[in-house]
Protein backbone atom coordinates (compact mmCIF):
# COMPACT_ATOMS: atom_id res chain seq x y z
CA MET A 1 101.83 110.26 56.05
CA ALA A 2 99.85 107.08 56.68
CA ARG A 3 100.10 105.37 60.05
CA LYS A 4 101.62 101.94 60.07
CA LYS A 5 99.08 99.36 61.16
CA LYS A 6 100.08 97.61 64.40
CA THR A 7 100.87 93.94 64.15
CA LYS A 8 99.08 91.42 66.33
CA TYR A 9 102.29 90.99 68.30
CA GLU A 10 102.58 94.74 68.94
CA LYS A 11 98.95 94.95 70.07
CA VAL A 12 99.37 92.10 72.55
CA ALA A 13 102.76 93.31 73.81
CA LYS A 14 101.41 96.84 74.37
CA TYR A 15 98.29 95.54 76.11
CA LEU A 16 100.40 93.32 78.39
CA ALA A 17 102.74 96.20 79.18
CA ASP A 18 99.78 98.40 80.12
CA HIS A 19 97.85 95.62 81.91
CA PRO A 20 100.40 93.08 83.23
CA LEU A 21 97.91 91.41 85.56
CA SER A 22 95.17 90.84 82.95
CA ALA A 23 93.93 87.32 82.38
CA PRO A 24 95.00 85.89 79.00
CA LYS A 25 91.42 85.52 77.80
CA ASN A 26 90.83 89.25 78.46
CA VAL A 27 94.01 90.15 76.57
CA ALA A 28 93.00 87.89 73.69
CA LYS A 29 89.53 89.44 73.52
CA ALA A 30 90.89 93.00 73.64
CA CYS A 31 93.52 92.34 70.94
CA GLY A 32 91.49 90.05 68.68
CA CYS A 33 93.71 86.98 68.95
CA SER A 34 93.69 83.53 70.56
CA VAL A 35 94.44 82.82 74.20
CA LYS A 36 97.26 80.52 73.09
CA TYR A 37 98.86 83.41 71.21
CA VAL A 38 98.75 85.52 74.38
CA TYR A 39 100.42 82.71 76.35
CA ASN A 40 103.14 82.43 73.70
CA ILE A 41 103.85 86.17 73.83
CA ARG A 42 103.77 86.18 77.61
CA SER A 43 106.19 83.23 77.79
CA GLN A 44 108.69 85.20 75.69
CA SER A 45 108.69 88.13 78.09
CA GLY A 46 108.40 86.13 81.30
CA THR A 47 105.44 84.79 83.16
CA PRO A 48 103.22 87.14 85.12
CA ARG A 49 103.79 85.03 88.23
CA GLU A 50 106.78 87.20 89.14
CA VAL A 51 104.59 90.27 88.80
CA PHE A 52 102.00 88.71 91.10
CA GLU A 53 104.52 87.58 93.68
CA GLN A 54 106.09 91.04 93.82
CA GLU A 55 102.66 92.68 94.06
CA ALA A 56 101.57 90.12 96.66
CA GLN A 57 104.53 90.92 98.90
CA SER A 58 103.80 94.63 98.89
CA LEU A 59 100.10 94.05 99.62
CA ASN A 60 100.66 91.21 102.13
CA VAL A 61 98.37 88.83 100.19
CA GLN A 62 98.86 85.51 98.42
CA PRO A 63 98.84 84.85 94.66
CA VAL A 64 96.48 82.02 93.68
CA ILE A 65 96.03 80.11 90.42
CA THR A 66 92.77 81.15 88.77
CA GLU A 67 92.99 79.26 85.50
CA THR A 68 95.10 76.50 83.97
CA PHE A 69 95.52 76.28 80.22
CA LYS A 70 97.12 73.49 78.19
CA ASP A 71 98.21 74.23 74.63
CA ASN A 72 98.30 71.75 71.72
CA SER A 73 101.93 70.88 72.50
CA GLY A 74 101.05 69.80 76.03
CA ASN A 75 102.58 72.83 77.76
CA THR A 76 100.67 73.95 80.83
CA TYR A 77 100.20 77.60 81.69
CA ASN A 78 98.58 79.16 84.75
CA THR A 79 97.00 82.52 85.30
CA TYR A 80 97.19 84.12 88.70
CA ALA A 81 95.16 86.54 90.75
CA LEU A 82 95.78 88.16 94.10
CA GLU A 83 93.59 86.67 96.78
CA ASN A 84 92.30 89.53 98.85
CA LYS A 85 92.84 87.70 102.11
CA PRO A 86 95.38 89.25 104.48
CA VAL A 87 98.00 87.00 106.01
CA GLU A 88 97.19 86.17 109.62
CA GLU A 89 98.85 88.49 112.14
CA ARG A 90 101.80 86.94 113.98
CA VAL A 91 101.57 86.53 117.75
CA ARG A 92 104.61 88.77 118.35
CA THR A 93 103.02 91.55 116.32
CA LYS A 94 99.72 91.23 118.17
CA VAL A 95 101.44 91.25 121.60
CA LEU A 96 103.51 94.34 120.77
CA ARG A 97 100.55 96.17 119.20
CA GLU A 98 98.41 95.49 122.28
CA ALA A 99 101.26 96.58 124.57
CA GLU A 100 101.54 99.80 122.58
CA ASP A 101 97.80 100.37 122.96
CA LEU A 102 98.11 99.92 126.72
CA VAL A 103 101.03 102.30 127.25
CA THR A 104 99.79 105.01 124.87
CA GLY A 105 96.06 104.71 125.40
CA ASP A 106 93.56 105.82 128.01
CA ARG A 107 95.56 104.49 130.98
CA GLU A 108 97.63 107.65 131.14
CA LYS A 109 94.42 109.68 131.34
CA GLU A 110 93.09 107.35 134.04
CA HIS A 111 96.27 106.95 136.13
CA GLY A 112 98.34 110.02 135.27
CA GLU A 113 101.73 110.24 133.62
CA PHE A 114 103.85 107.13 134.08
CA TRP A 115 107.04 108.93 135.12
CA SER A 116 105.14 110.50 138.03
CA ASN A 117 103.78 107.11 139.14
CA ALA A 118 107.21 105.50 138.78
CA TYR A 119 108.79 108.25 140.92
CA LEU A 120 106.18 107.85 143.68
CA THR A 121 106.40 104.03 143.53
CA ALA A 122 110.20 104.17 143.82
CA GLN A 123 109.88 106.38 146.92
CA LEU A 124 107.34 104.03 148.50
CA TRP A 125 109.47 100.96 147.75
CA TYR A 126 112.49 102.74 149.25
CA GLY A 127 110.47 103.48 152.39
CA TYR A 128 109.35 99.86 152.63
CA THR A 129 112.62 98.09 151.70
CA GLY A 130 115.31 100.62 152.61
CA TYR A 131 116.91 100.09 149.19
CA ASP A 132 117.56 103.08 146.93
CA ILE A 133 115.24 102.39 144.00
CA GLN A 134 115.25 104.66 140.97
CA PRO A 135 112.06 105.44 139.00
CA GLU A 136 113.42 103.72 135.84
CA GLN A 137 113.83 100.50 137.88
CA VAL A 138 110.12 100.39 138.73
CA PRO A 139 108.87 99.28 135.27
CA VAL A 140 111.74 96.77 135.02
CA MET A 141 110.68 95.21 138.33
CA MET A 142 107.04 95.24 137.20
CA ALA A 143 108.12 93.45 134.02
CA LEU A 144 109.95 90.89 136.19
CA LEU A 145 106.71 90.36 138.11
CA LYS A 146 104.91 89.69 134.81
CA ILE A 147 107.72 87.35 133.71
CA ALA A 148 107.42 85.42 137.00
CA ARG A 149 103.66 85.19 136.48
CA SER A 150 104.23 83.91 132.94
CA HIS A 151 106.04 80.88 134.37
CA GLN A 152 102.96 79.98 136.39
CA ASN A 153 100.44 81.15 133.82
CA PRO A 154 101.86 81.59 130.30
CA SER A 155 99.01 83.81 129.12
CA ILE A 156 99.38 86.37 126.36
CA GLU A 157 98.43 89.12 128.83
CA ASN A 158 101.53 88.52 131.00
CA PHE A 159 103.85 88.70 128.00
CA ARG A 160 102.03 91.77 126.65
CA ASP A 161 102.22 93.58 130.00
CA ALA A 162 105.93 92.74 130.41
CA SER A 163 106.59 94.17 126.93
CA GLY A 164 104.69 97.33 127.81
CA TYR A 165 106.63 97.80 131.06
CA MET A 166 109.95 97.39 129.24
CA ALA A 167 108.90 100.06 126.74
CA LEU A 168 108.08 102.38 129.63
CA ALA A 169 111.48 101.65 131.20
CA ALA A 170 113.21 102.54 127.93
CA GLU A 171 111.31 105.82 127.82
CA LEU A 172 112.29 106.70 131.39
CA VAL A 173 115.97 105.97 130.67
CA HIS A 174 116.20 107.52 127.21
CA GLY A 175 113.46 110.15 127.33
CA GLU A 176 110.71 110.80 124.80
CA SER A 177 111.65 110.15 121.19
CA ASP A 178 110.86 112.64 118.42
CA ASP A 179 110.56 109.95 115.69
C-alpha cells in the first residue's frame, strides 16, 4: 500500500508541534514553504508567545522579540526567544538566604550549638537581671537588639541578623524539623 504524501500544511503543523519554539524562517526552510505560510498556520493554532511566556515563567527568564514580520496584508507578526538573563534577586530573598547561610553555616562549628549558647546566655542574664529568662527568649531579645539598631542604621545586615535570630527562636520553641 502506497504512503499518502504529506501536504504542506501537515508538514508545517507537525514541525510546529515537535518544535514549538522554532523561528518561522527555520520552520519554512525545514518544510519547504514560505515564512508567511508558517505565520498563517501558526496564527490558526495560536501564537507561540503563550508558549514562551509559560516557558519563561518556569525558567525565571523574560521572552524578547527577536524578529518582526509584516505580511502583504499589513498584519504584523513577532517571533520570540527566551533571553537567558535571570531576573534580579529580590531583597527579601537575598536577606533570608544570607540569614540561612549564617544560622546553618560555619558559625555553629565556630561557636558551638545554638541551643547550648542560648541556655548559658539565659542563665547569665538571669544572674545579672534577676528575671527568669528562658533559652528561647534569648534569640528573640537578640532580634530586638538588631531591630533597635535598624532604626539607627537601616543596613541590610541588621535585618538579616534579626531574621536569623527569629529562625533560631522558632527552632528552640518547635524543635528541629524533619522536612
